C-alpha atoms as a PDB file:
ATOM      1  CA  MET A   1       2.121 -15.964  -4.061  1.00  0.00           C
ATOM      2  CA  ARG A   2       4.395 -12.960  -3.724  1.00  0.00           C
ATOM      3  CA  PHE A   3       6.166 -11.553  -0.690  1.00  0.00           C
ATOM      4  CA  SER A   4       6.840  -7.999   0.481  1.00  0.00           C
ATOM      5  CA  MET A   5       8.361  -6.173   3.412  1.00  0.00           C
ATOM      6  CA  ASN A   6       6.395  -3.481   5.217  1.00  0.00           C
ATOM      7  CA  VAL A   7       8.320  -0.480   6.543  1.00  0.00           C
ATOM      8  CA  PRO A   8       7.259   2.630   8.508  1.00  0.00           C
ATOM      9  CA  ASN A   9       8.368   6.002   7.183  1.00  0.00           C
ATOM     10  CA  PHE A  10       9.638   7.084  10.594  1.00  0.00           C
ATOM     11  CA  GLY A  11      12.477   6.257  12.946  1.00  0.00           C
ATOM     12  CA  ASP A  12      15.504   4.934  11.045  1.00  0.00           C
ATOM     13  CA  PHE A  13      13.420   4.928   7.874  1.00  0.00           C
ATOM     14  CA  ALA A  14      12.965   8.685   7.845  1.00  0.00           C
ATOM     15  CA  ASP A  15      16.437   8.572   6.235  1.00  0.00           C
ATOM     16  CA  ALA A  16      16.230   7.799   2.507  1.00  0.00           C
ATOM     17  CA  ARG A  17      19.656   6.135   2.578  1.00  0.00           C
ATOM     18  CA  ASN A  18      18.380   3.558   5.054  1.00  0.00           C
ATOM     19  CA  VAL A  19      15.316   2.859   2.939  1.00  0.00           C
ATOM     20  CA  ALA A  20      17.529   2.416  -0.127  1.00  0.00           C
ATOM     21  CA  ALA A  21      19.800   0.012   1.754  1.00  0.00           C
ATOM     22  CA  LEU A  22      16.838  -2.059   2.925  1.00  0.00           C
ATOM     23  CA  ALA A  23      15.277  -2.127  -0.541  1.00  0.00           C
ATOM     24  CA  LYS A  24      18.527  -3.343  -2.081  1.00  0.00           C
ATOM     25  CA  ALA A  25      18.935  -6.024   0.595  1.00  0.00           C
ATOM     26  CA  ALA A  26      15.342  -7.193   0.149  1.00  0.00           C
ATOM     27  CA  GLU A  27      15.675  -7.420  -3.623  1.00  0.00           C
ATOM     28  CA  THR A  28      18.940  -9.344  -3.350  1.00  0.00           C
ATOM     29  CA  ALA A  29      17.352 -11.810  -0.930  1.00  0.00           C
ATOM     30  CA  GLY A  30      14.407 -12.508  -3.234  1.00  0.00           C
ATOM     31  CA  TRP A  31      11.560 -10.392  -1.860  1.00  0.00           C
ATOM     32  CA  ASP A  32       9.018  -9.179  -4.431  1.00  0.00           C
ATOM     33  CA  GLY A  33       8.047  -5.837  -2.904  1.00  0.00           C
ATOM     34  CA  LEU A  34       8.888  -3.105  -0.431  1.00  0.00           C
ATOM     35  CA  PHE A  35       5.988  -1.050   0.871  1.00  0.00           C
ATOM     36  CA  LEU A  36       6.297   2.033   3.075  1.00  0.00           C
ATOM     37  CA  TRP A  37       3.797   3.710   5.332  1.00  0.00           C
ATOM     38  CA  ASP A  38       2.461   7.139   4.364  1.00  0.00           C
ATOM     39  CA  HIS A  39       2.195   9.302   7.478  1.00  0.00           C
ATOM     40  CA  VAL A  40       2.800  12.940   8.296  1.00  0.00           C
ATOM     41  CA  VAL A  41       3.131  12.441  12.051  1.00  0.00           C
ATOM     42  CA  HIS A  42       1.428   9.070  12.802  1.00  0.00           C
ATOM     43  CA  ASP A  43       1.370  10.011  16.495  1.00  0.00           C
ATOM     44  CA  LYS A  44       1.717  13.748  17.140  1.00  0.00           C
ATOM     45  CA  ARG A  45       2.789  13.085  20.726  1.00  0.00           C
ATOM     46  CA  SER A  46       5.955  11.432  19.434  1.00  0.00           C
ATOM     47  CA  SER A  47       9.129  13.350  18.645  1.00  0.00           C
ATOM     48  CA  ARG A  48      10.558  10.740  16.257  1.00  0.00           C
ATOM     49  CA  PRO A  49      11.669  11.779  12.763  1.00  0.00           C
ATOM     50  CA  VAL A  50       9.306  11.142   9.839  1.00  0.00           C
ATOM     51  CA  GLY A  51      10.223  11.080   6.124  1.00  0.00           C
ATOM     52  CA  ASP A  52       8.156  11.827   3.036  1.00  0.00           C
ATOM     53  CA  PRO A  53       7.248   8.418   1.563  1.00  0.00           C
ATOM     54  CA  TRP A  54       7.577   9.443  -2.078  1.00  0.00           C
ATOM     55  CA  MET A  55      11.076  10.806  -1.566  1.00  0.00           C
ATOM     56  CA  LEU A  56      11.979   7.642   0.345  1.00  0.00           C
ATOM     57  CA  LEU A  57      10.537   5.430  -2.395  1.00  0.00           C
ATOM     58  CA  THR A  58      12.515   7.335  -5.010  1.00  0.00           C
ATOM     59  CA  ALA A  59      15.701   6.400  -3.166  1.00  0.00           C
ATOM     60  CA  ALA A  60      14.532   2.785  -3.076  1.00  0.00           C
ATOM     61  CA  ALA A  61      13.784   2.842  -6.813  1.00  0.00           C
ATOM     62  CA  LEU A  62      17.255   4.140  -7.650  1.00  0.00           C
ATOM     63  CA  ALA A  63      18.855   1.397  -5.550  1.00  0.00           C
ATOM     64  CA  THR A  64      16.914  -1.499  -7.142  1.00  0.00           C
ATOM     65  CA  THR A  65      15.867  -2.900 -10.508  1.00  0.00           C
ATOM     66  CA  SER A  66      13.006  -5.367 -10.038  1.00  0.00           C
ATOM     67  CA  ILE A  67      11.273  -5.102  -6.662  1.00  0.00           C
ATOM     68  CA  LYS A  68       7.752  -3.594  -6.545  1.00  0.00           C
ATOM     69  CA  LEU A  69       7.444  -0.320  -4.637  1.00  0.00           C
ATOM     70  CA  GLY A  70       4.629   1.644  -3.089  1.00  0.00           C
ATOM     71  CA  ALA A  71       2.980   3.023   0.016  1.00  0.00           C
ATOM     72  CA  LEU A  72       0.559   1.026   2.156  1.00  0.00           C
ATOM     73  CA  VAL A  73      -1.448   3.166   2.146  1.00  0.00           C
ATOM     74  CA  THR A  74      -1.641   6.675   0.713  1.00  0.00           C
ATOM     75  CA  PRO A  75      -4.441   8.777   2.248  1.00  0.00           C
ATOM     76  CA  VAL A  76      -5.895  10.336  -0.891  1.00  0.00           C
ATOM     77  CA  PRO A  77      -8.323  12.613   1.060  1.00  0.00           C
ATOM     78  CA  ARG A  78      -5.464  14.622   2.576  1.00  0.00           C
ATOM     79  CA  ARG A  79      -3.667  15.127  -0.751  1.00  0.00           C
ATOM     80  CA  ARG A  80      -4.335  17.104  -3.909  1.00  0.00           C
ATOM     81  CA  PRO A  81      -4.994  14.595  -6.693  1.00  0.00           C
ATOM     82  CA  HIS A  82      -3.038  16.473  -9.368  1.00  0.00           C
ATOM     83  CA  GLN A  83       0.072  16.638  -7.200  1.00  0.00           C
ATOM     84  CA  LEU A  84      -0.330  13.006  -6.186  1.00  0.00           C
ATOM     85  CA  ALA A  85      -0.731  11.978  -9.824  1.00  0.00           C
ATOM     86  CA  ARG A  86       2.584  13.688 -10.604  1.00  0.00           C
ATOM     87  CA  GLN A  87       4.360  11.973  -7.703  1.00  0.00           C
ATOM     88  CA  VAL A  88       3.151   8.505  -8.644  1.00  0.00           C
ATOM     89  CA  THR A  89       3.941   9.014 -12.317  1.00  0.00           C
ATOM     90  CA  THR A  90       7.432  10.303 -11.552  1.00  0.00           C
ATOM     91  CA  LEU A  91       8.185   7.287  -9.367  1.00  0.00           C
ATOM     92  CA  ASP A  92       6.715   4.899 -11.926  1.00  0.00           C
ATOM     93  CA  ARG A  93       8.999   6.311 -14.596  1.00  0.00           C
ATOM     94  CA  ILE A  94      12.083   6.324 -12.366  1.00  0.00           C
ATOM     95  CA  SER A  95      11.424   2.692 -11.417  1.00  0.00           C
ATOM     96  CA  ASP A  96      10.550   1.644 -14.992  1.00  0.00           C
ATOM     97  CA  GLY A  97       7.023   0.647 -14.105  1.00  0.00           C
ATOM     98  CA  ARG A  98       7.350  -0.907 -10.657  1.00  0.00           C
ATOM     99  CA  VAL A  99       4.878   1.207  -8.678  1.00  0.00           C
ATOM    100  CA  VAL A 100       1.831  -0.137  -6.881  1.00  0.00           C
ATOM    101  CA  PHE A 101      -0.573   2.553  -5.708  1.00  0.00           C
ATOM    102  CA  ALA A 102      -2.513   1.653  -2.573  1.00  0.00           C
ATOM    103  CA  ALA A 103      -5.116   4.110  -1.296  1.00  0.00           C
ATOM    104  CA  GLY A 104      -7.346   4.605   1.697  1.00  0.00           C
ATOM    105  CA  LEU A 105      -8.443   7.107   4.306  1.00  0.00           C
ATOM    106  CA  GLY A 106      -5.311   6.712   6.393  1.00  0.00           C
ATOM    107  CA  GLY A 107      -5.046   7.475  10.067  1.00  0.00           C
ATOM    108  CA  PRO A 108      -5.015   8.126  12.920  1.00  0.00           C
ATOM    109  CA  VAL A 109      -7.492  10.689  11.612  1.00  0.00           C
ATOM    110  CA  GLU A 110      -7.242  13.138  14.509  1.00  0.00           C
ATOM    111  CA  ASP A 111      -3.436  13.173  14.320  1.00  0.00           C
ATOM    112  CA  GLU A 112      -3.022  13.100  10.548  1.00  0.00           C
ATOM    113  CA  TYR A 113      -5.948  15.353   9.580  1.00  0.00           C
ATOM    114  CA  GLY A 114      -7.231  17.195  12.632  1.00  0.00           C
ATOM    115  CA  SER A 115      -3.783  18.395  13.716  1.00  0.00           C
ATOM    116  CA  PHE A 116      -3.572  20.467  10.532  1.00  0.00           C
ATOM    117  CA  GLY A 117      -7.114  21.780  10.429  1.00  0.00           C
ATOM    118  CA  GLU A 118      -8.251  19.208   7.876  1.00  0.00           C
ATOM    119  CA  PRO A 119     -11.751  17.717   8.071  1.00  0.00           C
ATOM    120  CA  THR A 120     -12.105  14.525  10.087  1.00  0.00           C
ATOM    121  CA  ASP A 121     -15.632  13.436   9.182  1.00  0.00           C
ATOM    122  CA  ALA A 122     -15.431   9.871   7.859  1.00  0.00           C
ATOM    123  CA  VAL A 123     -18.227  10.298   5.306  1.00  0.00           C
ATOM    124  CA  LEU A 124     -16.642  13.422   3.852  1.00  0.00           C
ATOM    125  CA  LEU A 125     -13.216  11.775   3.723  1.00  0.00           C
ATOM    126  CA  ALA A 126     -14.710   8.769   1.901  1.00  0.00           C
ATOM    127  CA  GLU A 127     -16.248  11.136  -0.654  1.00  0.00           C
ATOM    128  CA  ARG A 128     -12.861  12.777  -1.192  1.00  0.00           C
ATOM    129  CA  LEU A 129     -11.249   9.362  -1.562  1.00  0.00           C
ATOM    130  CA  ASP A 130     -13.650   8.221  -4.279  1.00  0.00           C
ATOM    131  CA  GLU A 131     -13.572  11.519  -6.157  1.00  0.00           C
ATOM    132  CA  GLY A 132      -9.783  11.664  -5.890  1.00  0.00           C
ATOM    133  CA  LEU A 133      -9.342   8.128  -7.195  1.00  0.00           C
ATOM    134  CA  GLY A 134     -11.490   8.914 -10.202  1.00  0.00           C
ATOM    135  CA  LEU A 135      -9.404  11.983 -10.956  1.00  0.00           C
ATOM    136  CA  LEU A 136      -6.129  10.102 -10.577  1.00  0.00           C
ATOM    137  CA  GLU A 137      -7.261   7.541 -13.132  1.00  0.00           C
ATOM    138  CA  ARG A 138      -8.132  10.305 -15.578  1.00  0.00           C
ATOM    139  CA  TYR A 139      -4.895  12.224 -15.006  1.00  0.00           C
ATOM    140  CA  TRP A 140      -2.837   9.088 -15.653  1.00  0.00           C
ATOM    141  CA  THR A 141      -4.297   8.819 -19.180  1.00  0.00           C
ATOM    142  CA  GLY A 142      -2.378  11.935 -20.213  1.00  0.00           C
ATOM    143  CA  GLU A 143      -5.549  13.280 -21.810  1.00  0.00           C
ATOM    144  CA  ARG A 144      -7.071  16.666 -21.045  1.00  0.00           C
ATOM    145  CA  VAL A 145      -9.242  16.672 -17.933  1.00  0.00           C
ATOM    146  CA  THR A 146     -12.075  18.974 -16.937  1.00  0.00           C
ATOM    147  CA  HIS A 147     -13.732  18.167 -13.634  1.00  0.00           C
ATOM    148  CA  ARG A 148     -16.167  20.089 -11.451  1.00  0.00           C
ATOM    149  CA  GLY A 149     -16.699  17.971  -8.389  1.00  0.00           C
ATOM    150  CA  ARG A 150     -17.785  18.583  -4.836  1.00  0.00           C
ATOM    151  CA  HIS A 151     -14.219  18.494  -3.529  1.00  0.00           C
ATOM    152  CA  PHE A 152     -11.838  18.924  -6.490  1.00  0.00           C
ATOM    153  CA  GLN A 153     -11.660  21.002  -9.658  1.00  0.00           C
ATOM    154  CA  ALA A 154      -9.734  20.689 -12.921  1.00  0.00           C
ATOM    155  CA  ARG A 155      -9.995  22.985 -15.923  1.00  0.00           C
ATOM    156  CA  ASP A 156      -8.826  21.552 -19.222  1.00  0.00           C
ATOM    157  CA  VAL A 157      -5.457  20.225 -18.025  1.00  0.00           C
ATOM    158  CA  ALA A 158      -3.307  17.335 -19.250  1.00  0.00           C
ATOM    159  CA  LEU A 159      -0.630  15.835 -17.016  1.00  0.00           C
ATOM    160  CA  LEU A 160       2.270  14.498 -19.059  1.00  0.00           C
ATOM    161  CA  PRO A 161       4.235  12.317 -19.204  1.00  0.00           C
ATOM    162  CA  ARG A 162       2.076   9.287 -18.531  1.00  0.00           C
ATOM    163  CA  PRO A 163       3.111   6.499 -16.183  1.00  0.00           C
ATOM    164  CA  VAL A 164       5.097   3.651 -17.730  1.00  0.00           C
ATOM    165  CA  GLN A 165       2.445   1.105 -16.761  1.00  0.00           C
ATOM    166  CA  ARG A 166      -0.641   0.840 -18.966  1.00  0.00           C
ATOM    167  CA  PRO A 167      -3.371   1.748 -18.592  1.00  0.00           C
ATOM    168  CA  ARG A 168      -2.057   2.950 -15.189  1.00  0.00           C
ATOM    169  CA  PRO A 169      -0.283   1.632 -12.093  1.00  0.00           C
ATOM    170  CA  PRO A 170      -2.327  -1.006 -10.259  1.00  0.00           C
ATOM    171  CA  VAL A 171      -4.593   0.463  -7.593  1.00  0.00           C
ATOM    172  CA  TRP A 172      -5.167  -1.406  -4.334  1.00  0.00           C
ATOM    173  CA  ILE A 173      -7.697  -0.229  -1.761  1.00  0.00           C
ATOM    174  CA  ALA A 174      -7.341  -0.475   2.002  1.00  0.00           C
ATOM    175  CA  GLY A 175     -10.036  -0.823   4.623  1.00  0.00           C
ATOM    176  CA  TYR A 176     -11.058  -2.594   7.802  1.00  0.00           C
ATOM    177  CA  TRP A 177     -12.984  -5.825   7.618  1.00  0.00           C
ATOM    178  CA  PRO A 178     -15.844  -6.415   8.408  1.00  0.00           C
ATOM    179  CA  ASN A 179     -16.670  -2.900   7.135  1.00  0.00           C
ATOM    180  CA  ARG A 180     -18.343  -3.469   3.775  1.00  0.00           C
ATOM    181  CA  ARG A 181     -18.049  -0.120   2.023  1.00  0.00           C
ATOM    182  CA  PRO A 182     -14.241  -0.162   1.643  1.00  0.00           C
ATOM    183  CA  MET A 183     -14.453  -3.692   0.251  1.00  0.00           C
ATOM    184  CA  ARG A 184     -17.016  -2.658  -2.348  1.00  0.00           C
ATOM    185  CA  ARG A 185     -14.674   0.186  -3.272  1.00  0.00           C
ATOM    186  CA  ALA A 186     -11.770  -2.265  -3.589  1.00  0.00           C
ATOM    187  CA  ALA A 187     -13.847  -4.501  -5.869  1.00  0.00           C
ATOM    188  CA  ARG A 188     -13.890  -1.707  -8.478  1.00  0.00           C
ATOM    189  CA  TRP A 189     -10.090  -1.543  -8.595  1.00  0.00           C
ATOM    190  CA  ASP A 190      -7.163  -3.984  -8.728  1.00  0.00           C
ATOM    191  CA  GLY A 191      -6.680  -5.270  -5.216  1.00  0.00           C
ATOM    192  CA  VAL A 192      -7.521  -5.069  -1.555  1.00  0.00           C
ATOM    193  CA  VAL A 193      -5.256  -4.407   1.441  1.00  0.00           C
ATOM    194  CA  PRO A 194      -7.456  -5.289   4.402  1.00  0.00           C
ATOM    195  CA  LEU A 195      -6.849  -4.826   8.068  1.00  0.00           C
ATOM    196  CA  PHE A 196      -9.005  -6.822  10.431  1.00  0.00           C
ATOM    197  CA  ALA A 197     -10.856  -5.660  13.518  1.00  0.00           C
ATOM    198  CA  SER A 198      -9.966  -9.019  15.076  1.00  0.00           C
ATOM    199  CA  ALA A 199      -6.224  -8.786  14.285  1.00  0.00           C
ATOM    200  CA  GLY A 200      -4.103  -5.664  14.656  1.00  0.00           C
ATOM    201  CA  HIS A 201      -1.269  -4.595  12.396  1.00  0.00           C
ATOM    202  CA  GLY A 202       1.361  -7.316  12.309  1.00  0.00           C
ATOM    203  CA  ARG A 203      -1.081  -9.990  13.497  1.00  0.00           C
ATOM    204  CA  THR A 204      -2.121 -12.738  11.093  1.00  0.00           C
ATOM    205  CA  PRO A 205      -5.847 -12.532  10.272  1.00  0.00           C
ATOM    206  CA  PRO A 206      -8.215 -15.455  10.872  1.00  0.00           C
ATOM    207  CA  VAL A 207      -8.457 -17.623   7.769  1.00  0.00           C
ATOM    208  CA  GLU A 208     -12.244 -17.813   7.897  1.00  0.00           C
ATOM    209  CA  GLU A 209     -12.544 -14.026   7.971  1.00  0.00           C
ATOM    210  CA  LEU A 210     -10.239 -13.730   4.979  1.00  0.00           C
ATOM    211  CA  ARG A 211     -12.314 -16.296   3.109  1.00  0.00           C
ATOM    212  CA  GLU A 212     -15.486 -14.308   3.832  1.00  0.00           C
ATOM    213  CA  LEU A 213     -13.814 -11.088   2.696  1.00  0.00           C
ATOM    214  CA  VAL A 214     -12.577 -12.602  -0.576  1.00  0.00           C
ATOM    215  CA  ALA A 215     -16.026 -14.006  -1.309  1.00  0.00           C
ATOM    216  CA  TYR A 216     -17.665 -10.643  -0.554  1.00  0.00           C
ATOM    217  CA  VAL A 217     -15.286  -8.730  -2.819  1.00  0.00           C
ATOM    218  CA  GLY A 218     -15.725 -11.339  -5.537  1.00  0.00           C
ATOM    219  CA  ARG A 219     -19.487 -10.850  -5.517  1.00  0.00           C
ATOM    220  CA  HIS A 220     -18.999  -7.137  -6.115  1.00  0.00           C
ATOM    221  CA  ARG A 221     -16.391  -7.319  -8.845  1.00  0.00           C
ATOM    222  CA  PRO A 222     -17.509  -5.896 -12.218  1.00  0.00           C
ATOM    223  CA  VAL A 223     -18.914  -8.478 -14.615  1.00  0.00           C
ATOM    224  CA  ARG A 224     -16.616  -7.227 -17.370  1.00  0.00           C
ATOM    225  CA  ARG A 225     -13.040  -7.375 -16.161  1.00  0.00           C
ATOM    226  CA  PRO A 226      -9.885  -6.554 -18.116  1.00  0.00           C
ATOM    227  CA  ARG A 227      -8.266  -9.700 -19.457  1.00  0.00           C
ATOM    228  CA  GLY A 228      -5.179 -10.823 -17.663  1.00  0.00           C
ATOM    229  CA  ALA A 229      -5.611  -8.289 -14.855  1.00  0.00           C
ATOM    230  CA  PRO A 230      -5.186 -10.095 -11.522  1.00  0.00           C
ATOM    231  CA  PHE A 231      -7.013  -9.011  -8.412  1.00  0.00           C
ATOM    232  CA  GLU A 232      -4.549  -8.930  -5.525  1.00  0.00           C
ATOM    233  CA  VAL A 233      -5.365  -9.731  -1.906  1.00  0.00           C
ATOM    234  CA  VAL A 234      -2.676  -8.548   0.524  1.00  0.00           C
ATOM    235  CA  VAL A 235      -2.420  -9.913   4.064  1.00  0.00           C
ATOM    236  CA  GLY A 236       0.459  -9.944   6.475  1.00  0.00           C
ATOM    237  CA  GLY A 237       2.037 -10.568   9.808  1.00  0.00           C
ATOM    238  CA  VAL A 238       5.243 -12.079  11.135  1.00  0.00           C
ATOM    239  CA  SER A 239       6.373 -15.252   9.386  1.00  0.00           C
ATOM    240  CA  PRO A 240       8.824 -17.830  10.770  1.00  0.00           C
ATOM    241  CA  ALA A 241      12.126 -17.279   8.983  1.00  0.00           C
ATOM    242  CA  ASN A 242      14.052 -20.284   7.673  1.00  0.00           C
ATOM    243  CA  ASP A 243      11.309 -22.730   8.654  1.00  0.00           C
ATOM    244  CA  ALA A 244       9.445 -23.811   5.539  1.00  0.00           C
ATOM    245  CA  ALA A 245       7.070 -26.144   7.343  1.00  0.00           C
ATOM    246  CA  ALA A 246       6.015 -23.496   9.870  1.00  0.00           C
ATOM    247  CA  ALA A 247       5.669 -20.882   7.114  1.00  0.00           C
ATOM    248  CA  ARG A 248       3.522 -23.279   5.119  1.00  0.00           C
ATOM    249  CA  ASP A 249       1.276 -23.902   8.120  1.00  0.00           C
ATOM    250  CA  LEU A 250       0.868 -20.151   8.710  1.00  0.00           C
ATOM    251  CA  ILE A 251       0.595 -18.795   5.177  1.00  0.00           C
ATOM    252  CA  GLY A 252      -0.677 -21.806   3.223  1.00  0.00           C
ATOM    253  CA  PRO A 253      -4.270 -21.580   4.538  1.00  0.00           C
ATOM    254  CA  LEU A 254      -4.324 -17.855   3.772  1.00  0.00           C
ATOM    255  CA  ARG A 255      -3.147 -18.537   0.231  1.00  0.00           C
ATOM    256  CA  ASP A 256      -5.838 -21.177  -0.142  1.00  0.00           C
ATOM    257  CA  ALA A 257      -8.408 -18.650   1.120  1.00  0.00           C
ATOM    258  CA  GLY A 258      -7.441 -16.197  -1.639  1.00  0.00           C
ATOM    259  CA  ALA A 259      -4.410 -14.220  -0.464  1.00  0.00           C
ATOM    260  CA  THR A 260      -1.977 -13.407  -3.286  1.00  0.00           C
ATOM    261  CA  TRP A 261       0.592 -11.360  -1.316  1.00  0.00           C
ATOM    262  CA  TRP A 262       2.153 -11.954   2.078  1.00  0.00           C
ATOM    263  CA  ASP A 263       3.296  -8.626   3.543  1.00  0.00           C
ATOM    264  CA  GLU A 264       5.903  -9.131   6.275  1.00  0.00           C
ATOM    265  CA  ARG A 265       4.995  -6.610   8.972  1.00  0.00           C
ATOM    266  CA  LEU A 266       5.863  -6.217  12.636  1.00  0.00           C
ATOM    267  CA  PRO A 267       3.259  -5.392  15.302  1.00  0.00           C
ATOM    268  CA  LEU A 268       3.006  -1.756  16.309  1.00  0.00           C
ATOM    269  CA  ASP A 269       4.439  -2.497  19.742  1.00  0.00           C
ATOM    270  CA  HIS A 270       7.502  -4.367  18.444  1.00  0.00           C
ATOM    271  CA  PRO A 271      10.730  -2.634  19.604  1.00  0.00           C
ATOM    272  CA  GLY A 272      12.331  -3.159  16.187  1.00  0.00           C
ATOM    273  CA  LEU A 273       9.443  -1.751  14.171  1.00  0.00           C
ATOM    274  CA  SER A 274      11.389   1.252  12.872  1.00  0.00           C
ATOM    275  CA  ARG A 275      14.962  -0.016  13.352  1.00  0.00           C
ATOM    276  CA  LEU A 276      17.167  -0.570  10.311  1.00  0.00           C
ATOM    277  CA  ASP A 277      19.163  -3.413  11.888  1.00  0.00           C
ATOM    278  CA  THR A 278      16.021  -5.418  12.710  1.00  0.00           C
ATOM    279  CA  LEU A 279      14.533  -5.176   9.236  1.00  0.00           C
ATOM    280  CA  LEU A 280      17.857  -5.626   7.444  1.00  0.00           C
ATOM    281  CA  HIS A 281      18.289  -8.888   9.328  1.00  0.00           C
ATOM    282  CA  ARG A 282      14.809 -10.076   8.344  1.00  0.00           C
ATOM    283  CA  ALA A 283      15.289  -8.957   4.749  1.00  0.00           C
ATOM    284  CA  GLY A 284      18.531 -10.940   4.501  1.00  0.00           C
ATOM    285  CA  GLN A 285      16.778 -14.105   5.638  1.00  0.00           C
ATOM    286  CA  GLY A 286      14.638 -13.927   2.510  1.00  0.00           C
ATOM    287  CA  PRO A 287      10.890 -14.359   2.054  1.00  0.00           C
ATOM    288  CA  PRO A 288       9.020 -17.286   3.583  1.00  0.00           C
ATOM    289  CA  ARG A 289       9.740 -20.625   1.930  1.00  0.00           C
ATOM    290  CA  LEU A 290       6.451 -22.424   1.893  1.00  0.00           C
ATOM    291  CA  CYS A 291       7.681 -25.818   0.660  1.00  0.00           C
ATOM    292  CA  PHE A 292       4.406 -26.821  -1.058  1.00  0.00           C
END
């Protein structure tokens, strides 16, 4: 099992220097990944600063050498796939192949889409997500692409250079369980980043629900799968630091149910959610020690 830290792209972390400092501290302490949020405003009623996640992740990449980096999650429907393909490729090359690309609809939809005159219909956004993902995969081949879709167009273009990772960076898909459609989408890619209707952000999901989710995704995985390509299942919450027995009791059942990543994430109402000192302290304590 691998361990990551989950960081909003607002508050103290709108400053790329703070993100770089946290990434370096996390890598030094033995964490496997640092994942940022990807929001434009998150809550338009708030006046807090917000940073562009790809610029922030670039700073993190330049400050580290081994830790995985990415956004949990990037809302593909509110981005242009060709520009997004360039951003991901650039970061993958700067980091020497350490990017994980996680995609979803994002939200809150009214704040993140509606505030800027973007469509908010969930069915339409899901169509844009699927079409955009297909285009991203094609762009990352470096081959010439012609596409005439309902939402996006491409006319005989090749985006070079290619990402370092082959055939492309791993793609994880987000969605809310027990909604089935996002999980079927995830089954076609490389991993799933579920949130649970029964457990908010930063709350550990029920083990039985995770087991049901993993079984459902497994039933929808393609029969022919690339050899050696793992399917990642990312869950998270707040783990007890420096208490291996308590960490084992919390995370062990989730691992046994199919989780492959533990993503350390604070609840939305936590006062230290976007504070550098809070997350630097947790990063320095290191990832959970499960003592199996």
